[in-house]
C-alpha atoms as a PDB file:
ATOM      1  CA  MET A   1     -22.651  -2.712  20.206  1.00  0.00           C
ATOM      2  CA  ARG A   2     -25.738  -4.774  20.989  1.00  0.00           C
ATOM      3  CA  ARG A   3     -25.478  -6.734  17.712  1.00  0.00           C
ATOM      4  CA  THR A   4     -21.847  -7.623  18.424  1.00  0.00           C
ATOM      5  CA  VAL A   5     -22.700  -9.106  21.815  1.00  0.00           C
ATOM      6  CA  LEU A   6     -25.587 -11.110  20.357  1.00  0.00           C
ATOM      7  CA  ALA A   7     -23.378 -12.452  17.543  1.00  0.00           C
ATOM      8  CA  VAL A   8     -20.683 -13.562  20.008  1.00  0.00           C
ATOM      9  CA  ALA A   9     -23.279 -15.265  22.217  1.00  0.00           C
ATOM     10  CA  THR A  10     -24.754 -17.062  19.203  1.00  0.00           C
ATOM     11  CA  VAL A  11     -21.358 -18.276  17.963  1.00  0.00           C
ATOM     12  CA  ALA A  12     -20.452 -19.461  21.465  1.00  0.00           C
ATOM     13  CA  GLY A  13     -23.739 -21.380  21.669  1.00  0.00           C
ATOM     14  CA  ILE A  14     -23.006 -23.150  18.384  1.00  0.00           C
ATOM     15  CA  ALA A  15     -19.512 -24.075  19.573  1.00  0.00           C
ATOM     16  CA  ILE A  16     -20.862 -25.564  22.794  1.00  0.00           C
ATOM     17  CA  SER A  17     -23.542 -27.536  20.935  1.00  0.00           C
ATOM     18  CA  SER A  18     -20.979 -28.906  18.473  1.00  0.00           C
ATOM     19  CA  SER A  19     -18.624 -29.948  21.282  1.00  0.00           C
ATOM     20  CA  ALA A  20     -21.403 -31.790  23.111  1.00  0.00           C
ATOM     21  CA  ALA A  21     -22.382 -33.702  19.965  1.00  0.00           C
ATOM     22  CA  PHE A  22     -18.749 -34.690  19.318  1.00  0.00           C
ATOM     23  CA  ALA A  23     -18.214 -35.827  22.911  1.00  0.00           C
ATOM     24  CA  GLU A  24     -21.229 -38.130  22.764  1.00  0.00           C
ATOM     25  CA  SER A  25     -20.031 -39.826  19.594  1.00  0.00           C
ATOM     26  CA  ALA A  26     -16.508 -40.391  20.952  1.00  0.00           C
ATOM     27  CA  THR A  27     -15.375 -43.201  23.271  1.00  0.00           C
ATOM     28  CA  ASP A  28     -16.968 -43.105  26.716  1.00  0.00           C
ATOM     29  CA  TRP A  29     -13.740 -42.903  28.726  1.00  0.00           C
ATOM     30  CA  GLU A  30     -15.646 -43.184  32.018  1.00  0.00           C
ATOM     31  CA  SER A  31     -16.928 -46.722  31.612  1.00  0.00           C
ATOM     32  CA  GLY A  32     -15.229 -50.089  31.689  1.00  0.00           C
ATOM     33  CA  LEU A  33     -11.463 -49.848  32.157  1.00  0.00           C
ATOM     34  CA  THR A  34      -9.517 -46.760  31.067  1.00  0.00           C
ATOM     35  CA  PHE A  35      -5.742 -46.359  30.930  1.00  0.00           C
ATOM     36  CA  TYR A  36      -4.233 -42.851  31.110  1.00  0.00           C
ATOM     37  CA  SER A  37      -0.857 -41.285  30.482  1.00  0.00           C
ATOM     38  CA  GLY A  38       0.295 -38.742  33.020  1.00  0.00           C
ATOM     39  CA  ASN A  39      -1.506 -38.480  36.309  1.00  0.00           C
ATOM     40  CA  PHE A  40      -5.003 -39.548  35.191  1.00  0.00           C
ATOM     41  CA  VAL A  41      -4.882 -36.773  32.539  1.00  0.00           C
ATOM     42  CA  THR A  42      -4.812 -38.128  28.982  1.00  0.00           C
ATOM     43  CA  PRO A  43      -6.800 -41.268  28.116  1.00  0.00           C
ATOM     44  CA  VAL A  44      -4.800 -43.694  25.953  1.00  0.00           C
ATOM     45  CA  ALA A  45      -6.963 -46.851  25.872  1.00  0.00           C
ATOM     46  CA  ASN A  46     -10.425 -47.922  26.954  1.00  0.00           C
ATOM     47  CA  PHE A  47     -11.816 -51.428  27.364  1.00  0.00           C
ATOM     48  CA  PRO A  48     -15.592 -50.975  27.730  1.00  0.00           C
ATOM     49  CA  ALA A  49     -16.253 -54.571  28.786  1.00  0.00           C
ATOM     50  CA  PRO A  50     -13.198 -56.334  30.245  1.00  0.00           C
ATOM     51  CA  ASP A  51     -13.523 -59.994  29.314  1.00  0.00           C
ATOM     52  CA  GLY A  52     -10.798 -61.786  31.299  1.00  0.00           C
ATOM     53  CA  GLN A  53      -8.751 -62.378  28.138  1.00  0.00           C
ATOM     54  CA  CYS A  54      -5.081 -61.454  27.753  1.00  0.00           C
ATOM     55  CA  HIS A  55      -4.517 -57.991  26.236  1.00  0.00           C
ATOM     56  CA  ALA A  56      -1.423 -55.944  25.451  1.00  0.00           C
ATOM     57  CA  PHE A  57      -0.781 -53.361  28.160  1.00  0.00           C
ATOM     58  CA  PRO A  58      -0.827 -49.808  26.732  1.00  0.00           C
ATOM     59  CA  ALA A  59       2.875 -48.861  26.610  1.00  0.00           C
ATOM     60  CA  THR A  60       2.398 -45.169  27.448  1.00  0.00           C
ATOM     61  CA  ALA A  61      -0.085 -45.725  30.277  1.00  0.00           C
ATOM     62  CA  GLY A  62       0.914 -44.637  33.776  1.00  0.00           C
ATOM     63  CA  THR A  63      -2.447 -44.895  35.541  1.00  0.00           C
ATOM     64  CA  LEU A  64      -5.697 -46.822  35.265  1.00  0.00           C
ATOM     65  CA  VAL A  65      -9.261 -46.415  36.456  1.00  0.00           C
ATOM     66  CA  GLY A  66     -11.766 -49.237  36.593  1.00  0.00           C
ATOM     67  CA  TRP A  67     -15.025 -47.383  36.103  1.00  0.00           C
ATOM     68  CA  SER A  68     -17.427 -50.320  35.886  1.00  0.00           C
ATOM     69  CA  ASN A  69     -18.150 -53.958  35.017  1.00  0.00           C
ATOM     70  CA  PHE A  70     -15.176 -55.695  36.664  1.00  0.00           C
ATOM     71  CA  GLU A  71     -13.274 -56.124  39.928  1.00  0.00           C
ATOM     72  CA  ASN A  72      -9.536 -56.356  39.237  1.00  0.00           C
ATOM     73  CA  VAL A  73      -6.748 -55.814  36.712  1.00  0.00           C
ATOM     74  CA  ILE A  74      -3.944 -58.377  36.753  1.00  0.00           C
ATOM     75  CA  ALA A  75      -0.740 -57.222  35.062  1.00  0.00           C
ATOM     76  CA  TYR A  76       2.189 -59.264  33.750  1.00  0.00           C
ATOM     77  CA  ARG A  77       5.696 -58.383  32.650  1.00  0.00           C
ATOM     78  CA  THR A  78       5.407 -60.894  29.799  1.00  0.00           C
ATOM     79  CA  ALA A  79       3.488 -60.349  26.554  1.00  0.00           C
ATOM     80  CA  ASP A  80       1.317 -63.460  26.976  1.00  0.00           C
ATOM     81  CA  CYS A  81      -0.107 -63.078  30.521  1.00  0.00           C
ATOM     82  CA  THR A  82       2.211 -65.696  31.984  1.00  0.00           C
ATOM     83  CA  GLY A  83       4.565 -65.527  34.924  1.00  0.00           C
ATOM     84  CA  GLN A  84       4.134 -63.528  38.091  1.00  0.00           C
ATOM     85  CA  GLN A  85       0.748 -61.865  38.522  1.00  0.00           C
ATOM     86  CA  ILE A  86       0.662 -58.299  39.808  1.00  0.00           C
ATOM     87  CA  TRP A  87      -2.796 -57.394  41.059  1.00  0.00           C
ATOM     88  CA  LEU A  88      -3.440 -53.720  40.317  1.00  0.00           C
ATOM     89  CA  GLY A  89      -7.026 -53.364  41.512  1.00  0.00           C
ATOM     90  CA  THR A  90      -9.204 -50.720  39.854  1.00  0.00           C
ATOM     91  CA  LEU A  91      -7.388 -47.457  40.669  1.00  0.00           C
ATOM     92  CA  ARG A  92      -3.634 -47.460  40.336  1.00  0.00           C
ATOM     93  CA  SER A  93      -0.534 -45.678  39.104  1.00  0.00           C
ATOM     94  CA  PHE A  94       2.645 -47.331  37.773  1.00  0.00           C
ATOM     95  CA  ARG A  95       5.640 -46.577  35.555  1.00  0.00           C
ATOM     96  CA  PRO A  96       4.848 -46.475  31.821  1.00  0.00           C
ATOM     97  CA  GLY A  97       6.262 -49.582  30.175  1.00  0.00           C
ATOM     98  CA  GLU A  98       6.403 -51.528  33.454  1.00  0.00           C
ATOM     99  CA  PHE A  99       3.908 -54.159  32.255  1.00  0.00           C
ATOM    100  CA  ALA A 100       3.508 -55.936  28.908  1.00  0.00           C
ATOM    101  CA  SER A 101       0.074 -57.556  29.202  1.00  0.00           C
ATOM    102  CA  PHE A 102      -2.986 -57.714  31.432  1.00  0.00           C
ATOM    103  CA  SER A 103      -6.305 -59.390  32.038  1.00  0.00           C
ATOM    104  CA  ALA A 104      -9.303 -57.946  33.852  1.00  0.00           C
ATOM    105  CA  TYR A 105     -12.288 -59.674  35.399  1.00  0.00           C
END
């Protein structure tokens, strides 16, 4: 019985260590600007250093969080960041597909 418990604890420790190593090598979703699908649940795109340039708006995104390095997200219904500007700020929800492009500064 004692050996079984020790083996389970050891395997669990390896699994936790492997997960931590994988998480560090993946995208840091909590920096820059992150778009999510659902209600801030599933990350779909991350822009680590918003540069003020025009970018395609992630089609499946329904929320965004501005974690760092900028002040505002400006969305457009056109693909080339022209037309009416919709200022979204840095924490916002919206309908997926509502916007076609954005810039952030």
